[in-house]
Amino acid sequence: MTASEPWVHALDAASAPAAERARAAASWAAESARQDRILLQTCHRVELYGVGPAPAAALPAAEHLLRVATGLESAVIGEDEVLHQVRGALLAAAGPRDVRLTRLFETAIAAGRRARAGRTASSASLAGLALRWLARRTELKGRPVLVAGAGHMGWALARAARKAGAQVTVASRSRDRAEAAARSLGAQATDLTRAAGQTAAAAAVAVALAGPWEELTGTLPPTADLSWPSAVAPHVRGEYLGVDDLFAGGEEPPPGYVESATAIVVAKLAEYRSWLEVKSCA
């Protein structure tokens, strides 16, 4: 790693449990306001990207972020959600940023788009994987499934539940967001307080919330919780799938995806480092 190359301090589900990743995210949040830092958070990882003096455990950032953005480091190889999260991290870094970080994230996003454009078959998603786990535990077709969360992952869970033939209700802390998601999917909408009282009648529950679902009581039906950290307290869990339980993956990637995405990473890495060399000499 050259002195001018960005570094990354990274934790994922293989190296740190969700609680430790949450503490790291909280610790790095203030630091990420600096112009020479960008914080990336996904279901399975929290990563602080920076330039300048690197923490002791930091690694070279360029190849790592390219692999993350192309889905090569995901639980489901080639999944689409992570590219949305990389793009969101760059957008959330409001204000001027060090051009080396901005260029790296833009290069990674371009690599992720190019890798997915070359797919001959769709990759699975974390939401699809979660719904298949639920379907192995209870019949979903024609039955009520409650989806708590109307963010990007909540929409993905609701779409997957509708695809499975379930009667979906979307709940959110924002009734407007729940209604927007429900309208787009032909589903019902409610708020989290009312939804907590509907869990006993649901065949399954899928959760993607930023924060705990405190209104829950009793024991839930089969529940897939893709929140990070978990939104579902241990005392209300029955059959339960947490986001870290999906890290092992198990889904086959689309044919040829790993090879083609790896070649794109190599090409884009060379492109970025060539730009970095020119930039450092300017």
C-alpha atoms as a PDB file:
ATOM      1  CA  MET A   1       0.000   0.000   0.000  1.00  0.00           C
ATOM      2  CA  THR A   2       1.544   3.281  -1.101  1.00  0.00           C
ATOM      3  CA  ALA A   3       1.339   6.396   1.055  1.00  0.00           C
ATOM      4  CA  SER A   4      -1.170   7.958  -1.336  1.00  0.00           C
ATOM      5  CA  GLU A   5      -3.455   4.921  -1.650  1.00  0.00           C
ATOM      6  CA  PRO A   6      -6.650   4.823   0.431  1.00  0.00           C
ATOM      7  CA  TRP A   7      -6.883   2.331   3.271  1.00  0.00           C
ATOM      8  CA  VAL A   8      -9.827   0.508   4.839  1.00  0.00           C
ATOM      9  CA  HIS A   9     -10.458  -0.635   8.394  1.00  0.00           C
ATOM     10  CA  ALA A  10     -12.985  -3.425   7.865  1.00  0.00           C
ATOM     11  CA  LEU A  11     -15.073  -5.748  10.020  1.00  0.00           C
ATOM     12  CA  ASP A  12     -17.433  -8.356   8.584  1.00  0.00           C
ATOM     13  CA  ALA A  13     -19.607 -11.138   9.940  1.00  0.00           C
ATOM     14  CA  ALA A  14     -16.727 -13.604   9.670  1.00  0.00           C
ATOM     15  CA  SER A  15     -14.414 -11.497  11.825  1.00  0.00           C
ATOM     16  CA  ALA A  16     -16.796  -9.788  14.262  1.00  0.00           C
ATOM     17  CA  PRO A  17     -20.339 -10.443  15.536  1.00  0.00           C
ATOM     18  CA  ALA A  18     -23.101  -7.914  14.909  1.00  0.00           C
ATOM     19  CA  ALA A  19     -22.768  -6.283  18.340  1.00  0.00           C
ATOM     20  CA  GLU A  20     -19.055  -5.625  17.780  1.00  0.00           C
ATOM     21  CA  ARG A  21     -19.722  -4.245  14.308  1.00  0.00           C
ATOM     22  CA  ALA A  22     -22.382  -1.942  15.753  1.00  0.00           C
ATOM     23  CA  ARG A  23     -19.920  -0.605  18.330  1.00  0.00           C
ATOM     24  CA  ALA A  24     -17.350  -0.007  15.587  1.00  0.00           C
ATOM     25  CA  ALA A  25     -19.921   1.809  13.461  1.00  0.00           C
ATOM     26  CA  ALA A  26     -20.834   4.064  16.375  1.00  0.00           C
ATOM     27  CA  SER A  27     -17.164   4.739  17.086  1.00  0.00           C
ATOM     28  CA  TRP A  28     -16.384   5.521  13.439  1.00  0.00           C
ATOM     29  CA  ALA A  29     -19.480   7.650  12.791  1.00  0.00           C
ATOM     30  CA  ALA A  30     -17.948  10.904  14.024  1.00  0.00           C
ATOM     31  CA  GLU A  31     -14.671  10.215  12.246  1.00  0.00           C
ATOM     32  CA  SER A  32     -16.538   9.620   8.987  1.00  0.00           C
ATOM     33  CA  ALA A  33     -17.573  13.305   8.954  1.00  0.00           C
ATOM     34  CA  ARG A  34     -14.006  14.176   7.990  1.00  0.00           C
ATOM     35  CA  GLN A  35     -13.260  14.964   4.348  1.00  0.00           C
ATOM     36  CA  ASP A  36     -10.732  12.130   4.205  1.00  0.00           C
ATOM     37  CA  ARG A  37     -13.080   9.392   5.487  1.00  0.00           C
ATOM     38  CA  ILE A  38     -16.139   7.488   4.157  1.00  0.00           C
ATOM     39  CA  LEU A  39     -18.121   4.970   6.212  1.00  0.00           C
ATOM     40  CA  LEU A  40     -19.729   1.961   4.504  1.00  0.00           C
ATOM     41  CA  GLN A  41     -22.287  -0.124   6.393  1.00  0.00           C
ATOM     42  CA  THR A  42     -24.054  -3.188   5.004  1.00  0.00           C
ATOM     43  CA  CYS A  43     -25.890  -6.102   6.559  1.00  0.00           C
ATOM     44  CA  HIS A  44     -22.652  -8.026   7.019  1.00  0.00           C
ATOM     45  CA  ARG A  45     -19.903  -5.413   7.191  1.00  0.00           C
ATOM     46  CA  VAL A  46     -18.858  -2.041   8.556  1.00  0.00           C
ATOM     47  CA  GLU A  47     -15.881  -0.389   6.885  1.00  0.00           C
ATOM     48  CA  LEU A  48     -14.120   2.921   7.375  1.00  0.00           C
ATOM     49  CA  TYR A  49     -12.272   4.148   4.273  1.00  0.00           C
ATOM     50  CA  GLY A  50      -9.651   6.820   4.580  1.00  0.00           C
ATOM     51  CA  VAL A  51      -6.477   8.431   3.304  1.00  0.00           C
ATOM     52  CA  GLY A  52      -3.463   9.545   5.261  1.00  0.00           C
ATOM     53  CA  PRO A  53      -2.053   7.758   8.331  1.00  0.00           C
ATOM     54  CA  ALA A  54      -3.739   4.352   8.557  1.00  0.00           C
ATOM     55  CA  PRO A  55      -4.886   2.459  11.664  1.00  0.00           C
ATOM     56  CA  ALA A  56      -2.736  -0.519  12.601  1.00  0.00           C
ATOM     57  CA  ALA A  57      -5.272  -3.047  11.308  1.00  0.00           C
ATOM     58  CA  ALA A  58      -6.013  -1.213   8.049  1.00  0.00           C
ATOM     59  CA  LEU A  59      -5.665  -2.821   4.622  1.00  0.00           C
ATOM     60  CA  PRO A  60      -5.254  -1.411   1.090  1.00  0.00           C
ATOM     61  CA  ALA A  61      -8.720  -0.225   0.114  1.00  0.00           C
ATOM     62  CA  ALA A  62      -8.856  -0.247  -3.677  1.00  0.00           C
ATOM     63  CA  GLU A  63      -9.084  -3.940  -4.526  1.00  0.00           C
ATOM     64  CA  HIS A  64     -11.187  -4.624  -1.445  1.00  0.00           C
ATOM     65  CA  LEU A  65     -13.882  -2.059  -2.318  1.00  0.00           C
ATOM     66  CA  LEU A  66     -13.972  -3.215  -5.947  1.00  0.00           C
ATOM     67  CA  ARG A  67     -14.603  -6.770  -4.774  1.00  0.00           C
ATOM     68  CA  VAL A  68     -17.280  -5.591  -2.329  1.00  0.00           C
ATOM     69  CA  ALA A  69     -19.072  -3.527  -4.988  1.00  0.00           C
ATOM     70  CA  THR A  70     -19.068  -6.378  -7.519  1.00  0.00           C
ATOM     71  CA  GLY A  71     -20.549  -8.719  -4.916  1.00  0.00           C
ATOM     72  CA  LEU A  72     -17.527 -11.004  -4.750  1.00  0.00           C
ATOM     73  CA  GLU A  73     -17.333 -10.579  -0.962  1.00  0.00           C
ATOM     74  CA  SER A  74     -21.080 -11.003  -0.376  1.00  0.00           C
ATOM     75  CA  ALA A  75     -22.881 -13.904   1.261  1.00  0.00           C
ATOM     76  CA  VAL A  76     -24.725 -14.267  -2.050  1.00  0.00           C
ATOM     77  CA  ILE A  77     -22.168 -13.762  -4.819  1.00  0.00           C
ATOM     78  CA  GLY A  78     -23.225 -10.949  -7.166  1.00  0.00           C
ATOM     79  CA  GLU A  79     -26.192  -9.814  -5.059  1.00  0.00           C
ATOM     80  CA  ASP A  80     -27.500  -6.364  -5.943  1.00  0.00           C
ATOM     81  CA  GLU A  81     -28.136  -4.850  -2.499  1.00  0.00           C
ATOM     82  CA  VAL A  82     -24.457  -4.233  -1.770  1.00  0.00           C
ATOM     83  CA  LEU A  83     -24.011  -2.033  -4.857  1.00  0.00           C
ATOM     84  CA  HIS A  84     -26.909   0.122  -3.635  1.00  0.00           C
ATOM     85  CA  GLN A  85     -25.167   0.358  -0.243  1.00  0.00           C
ATOM     86  CA  VAL A  86     -21.806   1.377  -1.752  1.00  0.00           C
ATOM     87  CA  ARG A  87     -23.573   4.073  -3.773  1.00  0.00           C
ATOM     88  CA  GLY A  88     -25.453   5.185  -0.659  1.00  0.00           C
ATOM     89  CA  ALA A  89     -22.224   5.487   1.336  1.00  0.00           C
ATOM     90  CA  LEU A  90     -20.810   7.875  -1.245  1.00  0.00           C
ATOM     91  CA  LEU A  91     -24.013   9.918  -1.369  1.00  0.00           C
ATOM     92  CA  ALA A  92     -24.168  10.066   2.432  1.00  0.00           C
ATOM     93  CA  ALA A  93     -20.664  11.522   2.548  1.00  0.00           C
ATOM     94  CA  ALA A  94     -22.068  15.017   2.049  1.00  0.00           C
ATOM     95  CA  GLY A  95     -19.760  17.904   1.305  1.00  0.00           C
ATOM     96  CA  PRO A  96     -16.341  17.867  -0.338  1.00  0.00           C
ATOM     97  CA  ARG A  97     -14.371  14.620  -0.004  1.00  0.00           C
ATOM     98  CA  ASP A  98     -10.781  13.762  -0.719  1.00  0.00           C
ATOM     99  CA  VAL A  99     -10.695  13.170  -4.471  1.00  0.00           C
ATOM    100  CA  ARG A 100      -8.862   9.860  -3.972  1.00  0.00           C
ATOM    101  CA  LEU A 101     -11.779   8.448  -2.004  1.00  0.00           C
ATOM    102  CA  THR A 102     -14.430   9.862  -4.328  1.00  0.00           C
ATOM    103  CA  ARG A 103     -12.659   8.448  -7.376  1.00  0.00           C
ATOM    104  CA  LEU A 104     -12.280   5.059  -5.669  1.00  0.00           C
ATOM    105  CA  PHE A 105     -15.981   4.820  -4.831  1.00  0.00           C
ATOM    106  CA  GLU A 106     -16.977   5.974  -8.329  1.00  0.00           C
ATOM    107  CA  THR A 107     -14.659   3.356  -9.841  1.00  0.00           C
ATOM    108  CA  ALA A 108     -16.113   0.653  -7.585  1.00  0.00           C
ATOM    109  CA  ILE A 109     -19.685   1.603  -8.508  1.00  0.00           C
ATOM    110  CA  ALA A 110     -18.793   1.491 -12.198  1.00  0.00           C
ATOM    111  CA  ALA A 111     -17.182  -1.926 -11.700  1.00  0.00           C
ATOM    112  CA  GLY A 112     -20.267  -3.204  -9.881  1.00  0.00           C
ATOM    113  CA  ARG A 113     -22.578  -2.023 -12.654  1.00  0.00           C
ATOM    114  CA  ARG A 114     -20.393  -3.516 -15.383  1.00  0.00           C
ATOM    115  CA  ALA A 115     -20.127  -6.869 -13.593  1.00  0.00           C
ATOM    116  CA  ARG A 116     -23.893  -7.170 -13.211  1.00  0.00           C
ATOM    117  CA  ALA A 117     -24.574  -5.994 -16.772  1.00  0.00           C
ATOM    118  CA  GLY A 118     -22.672  -9.035 -18.005  1.00  0.00           C
ATOM    119  CA  ARG A 119     -24.765 -11.575 -16.111  1.00  0.00           C
ATOM    120  CA  THR A 120     -26.567 -14.192 -18.140  1.00  0.00           C
ATOM    121  CA  ALA A 121     -28.774 -15.033 -15.150  1.00  0.00           C
ATOM    122  CA  SER A 122     -29.975 -13.092 -12.130  1.00  0.00           C
ATOM    123  CA  SER A 123     -28.115 -13.530  -8.884  1.00  0.00           C
ATOM    124  CA  ALA A 124     -29.981 -14.386  -5.732  1.00  0.00           C
ATOM    125  CA  SER A 125     -30.410 -11.726  -3.057  1.00  0.00           C
ATOM    126  CA  LEU A 126     -30.266 -11.755   0.718  1.00  0.00           C
ATOM    127  CA  ALA A 127     -34.011 -11.058   0.741  1.00  0.00           C
ATOM    128  CA  GLY A 128     -34.672 -14.021  -1.550  1.00  0.00           C
ATOM    129  CA  LEU A 129     -32.465 -16.229   0.587  1.00  0.00           C
ATOM    130  CA  ALA A 130     -34.373 -15.167   3.712  1.00  0.00           C
ATOM    131  CA  LEU A 131     -37.737 -15.882   2.100  1.00  0.00           C
ATOM    132  CA  ARG A 132     -36.599 -19.338   1.012  1.00  0.00           C
ATOM    133  CA  TRP A 133     -35.607 -20.015   4.616  1.00  0.00           C
ATOM    134  CA  LEU A 134     -39.105 -18.998   5.734  1.00  0.00           C
ATOM    135  CA  ALA A 135     -40.739 -21.095   3.010  1.00  0.00           C
ATOM    136  CA  ARG A 136     -38.926 -24.190   4.280  1.00  0.00           C
ATOM    137  CA  ARG A 137     -40.579 -23.676   7.653  1.00  0.00           C
ATOM    138  CA  THR A 138     -44.117 -22.708   6.736  1.00  0.00           C
ATOM    139  CA  GLU A 139     -46.408 -22.413   3.721  1.00  0.00           C
ATOM    140  CA  LEU A 140     -46.352 -18.854   2.375  1.00  0.00           C
ATOM    141  CA  LYS A 141     -48.556 -18.988  -0.707  1.00  0.00           C
ATOM    142  CA  GLY A 142     -51.911 -17.364  -0.021  1.00  0.00           C
ATOM    143  CA  ARG A 143     -51.045 -16.749   3.628  1.00  0.00           C
ATOM    144  CA  PRO A 144     -50.327 -13.499   5.518  1.00  0.00           C
ATOM    145  CA  VAL A 145     -46.685 -12.436   5.794  1.00  0.00           C
ATOM    146  CA  LEU A 146     -45.755  -9.330   7.752  1.00  0.00           C
ATOM    147  CA  VAL A 147     -42.794  -7.286   6.553  1.00  0.00           C
ATOM    148  CA  ALA A 148     -41.470  -4.739   9.068  1.00  0.00           C
ATOM    149  CA  GLY A 149     -39.436  -2.070   7.331  1.00  0.00           C
ATOM    150  CA  ALA A 150     -39.928   0.053   4.220  1.00  0.00           C
ATOM    151  CA  GLY A 151     -36.324   0.899   3.400  1.00  0.00           C
ATOM    152  CA  HIS A 152     -34.375  -0.691   0.562  1.00  0.00           C
ATOM    153  CA  MET A 153     -34.112  -4.098   2.265  1.00  0.00           C
ATOM    154  CA  GLY A 154     -37.706  -3.970   3.469  1.00  0.00           C
ATOM    155  CA  TRP A 155     -38.891  -3.413  -0.113  1.00  0.00           C
ATOM    156  CA  ALA A 156     -36.726  -6.335  -1.221  1.00  0.00           C
ATOM    157  CA  LEU A 157     -38.239  -8.598   1.441  1.00  0.00           C
ATOM    158  CA  ALA A 158     -41.770  -7.520   0.530  1.00  0.00           C
ATOM    159  CA  ARG A 159     -41.121  -8.151  -3.183  1.00  0.00           C
ATOM    160  CA  ALA A 160     -39.726 -11.586  -2.419  1.00  0.00           C
ATOM    161  CA  ALA A 161     -42.745 -12.395  -0.228  1.00  0.00           C
ATOM    162  CA  ARG A 162     -45.148 -11.291  -2.979  1.00  0.00           C
ATOM    163  CA  LYS A 163     -43.223 -13.412  -5.474  1.00  0.00           C
ATOM    164  CA  ALA A 164     -43.741 -16.370  -3.140  1.00  0.00           C
ATOM    165  CA  GLY A 165     -47.494 -15.745  -3.354  1.00  0.00           C
ATOM    166  CA  ALA A 166     -47.947 -14.397   0.161  1.00  0.00           C
ATOM    167  CA  GLN A 167     -50.510 -11.843   1.270  1.00  0.00           C
ATOM    168  CA  VAL A 168     -48.117  -9.095   2.347  1.00  0.00           C
ATOM    169  CA  THR A 169     -48.540  -6.316   4.886  1.00  0.00           C
ATOM    170  CA  VAL A 170     -45.754  -3.728   5.046  1.00  0.00           C
ATOM    171  CA  ALA A 171     -45.168  -1.942   8.349  1.00  0.00           C
ATOM    172  CA  SER A 172     -42.906   1.001   9.087  1.00  0.00           C
ATOM    173  CA  ARG A 173     -42.328   3.681  11.674  1.00  0.00           C
ATOM    174  CA  SER A 174     -43.341   6.036   8.848  1.00  0.00           C
ATOM    175  CA  ARG A 175     -46.878   5.249   7.689  1.00  0.00           C
ATOM    176  CA  ASP A 176     -46.220   7.191   4.471  1.00  0.00           C
ATOM    177  CA  ARG A 177     -43.238   4.989   3.609  1.00  0.00           C
ATOM    178  CA  ALA A 178     -45.203   1.847   4.401  1.00  0.00           C
ATOM    179  CA  GLU A 179     -48.045   2.987   2.144  1.00  0.00           C
ATOM    180  CA  ALA A 180     -45.659   3.863  -0.693  1.00  0.00           C
ATOM    181  CA  ALA A 181     -44.077   0.412  -0.545  1.00  0.00           C
ATOM    182  CA  ALA A 182     -47.453  -1.298  -0.255  1.00  0.00           C
ATOM    183  CA  ARG A 183     -48.919   0.538  -3.254  1.00  0.00           C
ATOM    184  CA  SER A 184     -46.009  -0.467  -5.457  1.00  0.00           C
ATOM    185  CA  LEU A 185     -46.441  -4.129  -4.521  1.00  0.00           C
ATOM    186  CA  GLY A 186     -50.204  -4.479  -4.229  1.00  0.00           C
ATOM    187  CA  ALA A 187     -49.859  -5.043  -0.496  1.00  0.00           C
ATOM    188  CA  GLN A 188     -51.400  -3.675   2.695  1.00  0.00           C
ATOM    189  CA  ALA A 189     -49.769  -1.052   4.944  1.00  0.00           C
ATOM    190  CA  THR A 190     -49.728  -0.418   8.659  1.00  0.00           C
ATOM    191  CA  ASP A 191     -47.519   1.027  11.398  1.00  0.00           C
ATOM    192  CA  LEU A 192     -45.193  -0.931  13.659  1.00  0.00           C
ATOM    193  CA  THR A 193     -47.394  -0.700  16.746  1.00  0.00           C
ATOM    194  CA  ARG A 194     -50.405  -2.222  14.971  1.00  0.00           C
ATOM    195  CA  ALA A 195     -48.168  -4.715  13.186  1.00  0.00           C
ATOM    196  CA  ALA A 196     -46.868  -6.016  16.516  1.00  0.00           C
ATOM    197  CA  GLY A 197     -50.415  -7.050  17.357  1.00  0.00           C
ATOM    198  CA  GLN A 198     -50.804  -8.845  14.014  1.00  0.00           C
ATOM    199  CA  THR A 199     -47.804 -11.170  14.329  1.00  0.00           C
ATOM    200  CA  ALA A 200     -49.783 -14.002  15.929  1.00  0.00           C
ATOM    201  CA  ALA A 201     -51.983 -14.250  12.826  1.00  0.00           C
ATOM    202  CA  ALA A 202     -49.057 -14.152  10.380  1.00  0.00           C
ATOM    203  CA  ALA A 203     -47.559 -17.237   8.794  1.00  0.00           C
ATOM    204  CA  ALA A 204     -44.145 -15.570   8.910  1.00  0.00           C
ATOM    205  CA  VAL A 205     -42.450 -12.284   9.687  1.00  0.00           C
ATOM    206  CA  ALA A 206     -39.618 -10.592   7.784  1.00  0.00           C
ATOM    207  CA  VAL A 207     -37.833  -7.654   9.392  1.00  0.00           C
ATOM    208  CA  ALA A 208     -35.452  -4.948   8.158  1.00  0.00           C
ATOM    209  CA  LEU A 209     -35.484  -2.080  10.643  1.00  0.00           C
ATOM    210  CA  ALA A 210     -32.970   0.519  11.786  1.00  0.00           C
ATOM    211  CA  GLY A 211     -33.441   0.014  15.504  1.00  0.00           C
ATOM    212  CA  PRO A 212     -35.280  -2.369  17.849  1.00  0.00           C
ATOM    213  CA  TRP A 213     -38.936  -3.313  17.328  1.00  0.00           C
ATOM    214  CA  GLU A 214     -39.866  -2.652  20.929  1.00  0.00           C
ATOM    215  CA  GLU A 215     -43.630  -3.211  20.627  1.00  0.00           C
ATOM    216  CA  LEU A 216     -43.265  -6.975  20.125  1.00  0.00           C
ATOM    217  CA  THR A 217     -44.679  -9.346  22.736  1.00  0.00           C
ATOM    218  CA  GLY A 218     -45.325 -13.084  22.856  1.00  0.00           C
ATOM    219  CA  THR A 219     -43.516 -15.537  20.619  1.00  0.00           C
ATOM    220  CA  LEU A 220     -43.214 -14.808  16.909  1.00  0.00           C
ATOM    221  CA  PRO A 221     -43.905 -17.205  14.054  1.00  0.00           C
ATOM    222  CA  PRO A 222     -40.873 -18.069  11.854  1.00  0.00           C
ATOM    223  CA  THR A 223     -38.950 -14.806  11.543  1.00  0.00           C
ATOM    224  CA  ALA A 224     -36.189 -13.660   9.212  1.00  0.00           C
ATOM    225  CA  ASP A 225     -34.533 -10.567  10.666  1.00  0.00           C
ATOM    226  CA  LEU A 226     -32.176  -8.791   8.244  1.00  0.00           C
ATOM    227  CA  SER A 227     -31.805  -5.793  10.541  1.00  0.00           C
ATOM    228  CA  TRP A 228     -28.340  -4.856  11.669  1.00  0.00           C
ATOM    229  CA  PRO A 229     -28.091  -4.996  14.637  1.00  0.00           C
ATOM    230  CA  SER A 230     -31.059  -7.289  15.208  1.00  0.00           C
ATOM    231  CA  ALA A 231     -34.411  -5.552  15.685  1.00  0.00           C
ATOM    232  CA  VAL A 232     -36.063  -8.589  17.309  1.00  0.00           C
ATOM    233  CA  ALA A 233     -35.305  -9.197  20.979  1.00  0.00           C
ATOM    234  CA  PRO A 234     -34.306 -12.756  21.973  1.00  0.00           C
ATOM    235  CA  HIS A 235     -37.260 -13.236  24.337  1.00  0.00           C
ATOM    236  CA  VAL A 236     -39.845 -13.018  21.491  1.00  0.00           C
ATOM    237  CA  ARG A 237     -38.012 -15.246  19.002  1.00  0.00           C
ATOM    238  CA  GLY A 238     -39.338 -18.613  17.898  1.00  0.00           C
ATOM    239  CA  GLU A 239     -37.727 -20.068  14.775  1.00  0.00           C
ATOM    240  CA  TYR A 240     -35.344 -17.266  13.937  1.00  0.00           C
ATOM    241  CA  LEU A 241     -32.908 -16.330  11.171  1.00  0.00           C
ATOM    242  CA  GLY A 242     -30.572 -13.421  11.866  1.00  0.00           C
ATOM    243  CA  VAL A 243     -28.617 -11.526   9.238  1.00  0.00           C
ATOM    244  CA  ASP A 244     -25.317 -13.085  10.322  1.00  0.00           C
ATOM    245  CA  ASP A 245     -26.829 -16.552   9.805  1.00  0.00           C
ATOM    246  CA  LEU A 246     -26.904 -15.770   6.074  1.00  0.00           C
ATOM    247  CA  PHE A 247     -23.215 -14.910   5.843  1.00  0.00           C
ATOM    248  CA  ALA A 248     -22.240 -18.463   4.942  1.00  0.00           C
ATOM    249  CA  GLY A 249     -24.272 -18.054   1.757  1.00  0.00           C
ATOM    250  CA  GLY A 250     -24.793 -21.395   0.042  1.00  0.00           C
ATOM    251  CA  GLU A 251     -26.274 -20.051  -3.193  1.00  0.00           C
ATOM    252  CA  GLU A 252     -24.513 -20.781  -6.450  1.00  0.00           C
ATOM    253  CA  PRO A 253     -23.514 -17.596  -8.327  1.00  0.00           C
ATOM    254  CA  PRO A 254     -24.697 -17.082 -11.914  1.00  0.00           C
ATOM    255  CA  PRO A 255     -22.573 -19.118 -14.363  1.00  0.00           C
ATOM    256  CA  GLY A 256     -19.301 -17.378 -15.131  1.00  0.00           C
ATOM    257  CA  TYR A 257     -19.985 -14.475 -12.797  1.00  0.00           C
ATOM    258  CA  VAL A 258     -16.984 -14.940 -10.510  1.00  0.00           C
ATOM    259  CA  GLU A 259     -14.585 -15.151 -13.430  1.00  0.00           C
ATOM    260  CA  SER A 260     -15.979 -12.155 -15.295  1.00  0.00           C
ATOM    261  CA  ALA A 261     -16.337 -10.008 -12.158  1.00  0.00           C
ATOM    262  CA  THR A 262     -12.785 -10.849 -11.091  1.00  0.00           C
ATOM    263  CA  ALA A 263     -11.474  -9.750 -14.491  1.00  0.00           C
ATOM    264  CA  ILE A 264     -13.388  -6.471 -14.145  1.00  0.00           C
ATOM    265  CA  VAL A 265     -11.880  -5.935 -10.689  1.00  0.00           C
ATOM    266  CA  VAL A 266      -8.367  -6.460 -12.082  1.00  0.00           C
ATOM    267  CA  ALA A 267      -8.972  -4.027 -14.957  1.00  0.00           C
ATOM    268  CA  LYS A 268     -10.608  -1.350 -12.805  1.00  0.00           C
ATOM    269  CA  LEU A 269      -7.922  -1.689 -10.140  1.00  0.00           C
ATOM    270  CA  ALA A 270      -5.229  -1.023 -12.736  1.00  0.00           C
ATOM    271  CA  GLU A 271      -7.248   1.931 -14.033  1.00  0.00           C
ATOM    272  CA  TYR A 272      -7.603   3.419 -10.555  1.00  0.00           C
ATOM    273  CA  ARG A 273      -3.957   2.950  -9.621  1.00  0.00           C
ATOM    274  CA  SER A 274      -2.846   4.537 -12.898  1.00  0.00           C
ATOM    275  CA  TRP A 275      -5.045   7.551 -12.112  1.00  0.00           C
ATOM    276  CA  LEU A 276      -3.688   7.626  -8.551  1.00  0.00           C
ATOM    277  CA  GLU A 277      -0.095   7.618  -9.795  1.00  0.00           C
ATOM    278  CA  VAL A 278      -0.781  10.530 -12.154  1.00  0.00           C
ATOM    279  CA  LYS A 279      -2.645  12.377  -9.383  1.00  0.00           C
ATOM    280  CA  SER A 280       0.208  11.954  -6.897  1.00  0.00           C
ATOM    281  CA  CYS A 281       2.728  13.305  -9.413  1.00  0.00           C
ATOM    282  CA  ALA A 282       0.631  16.355 -10.321  1.00  0.00           C
END
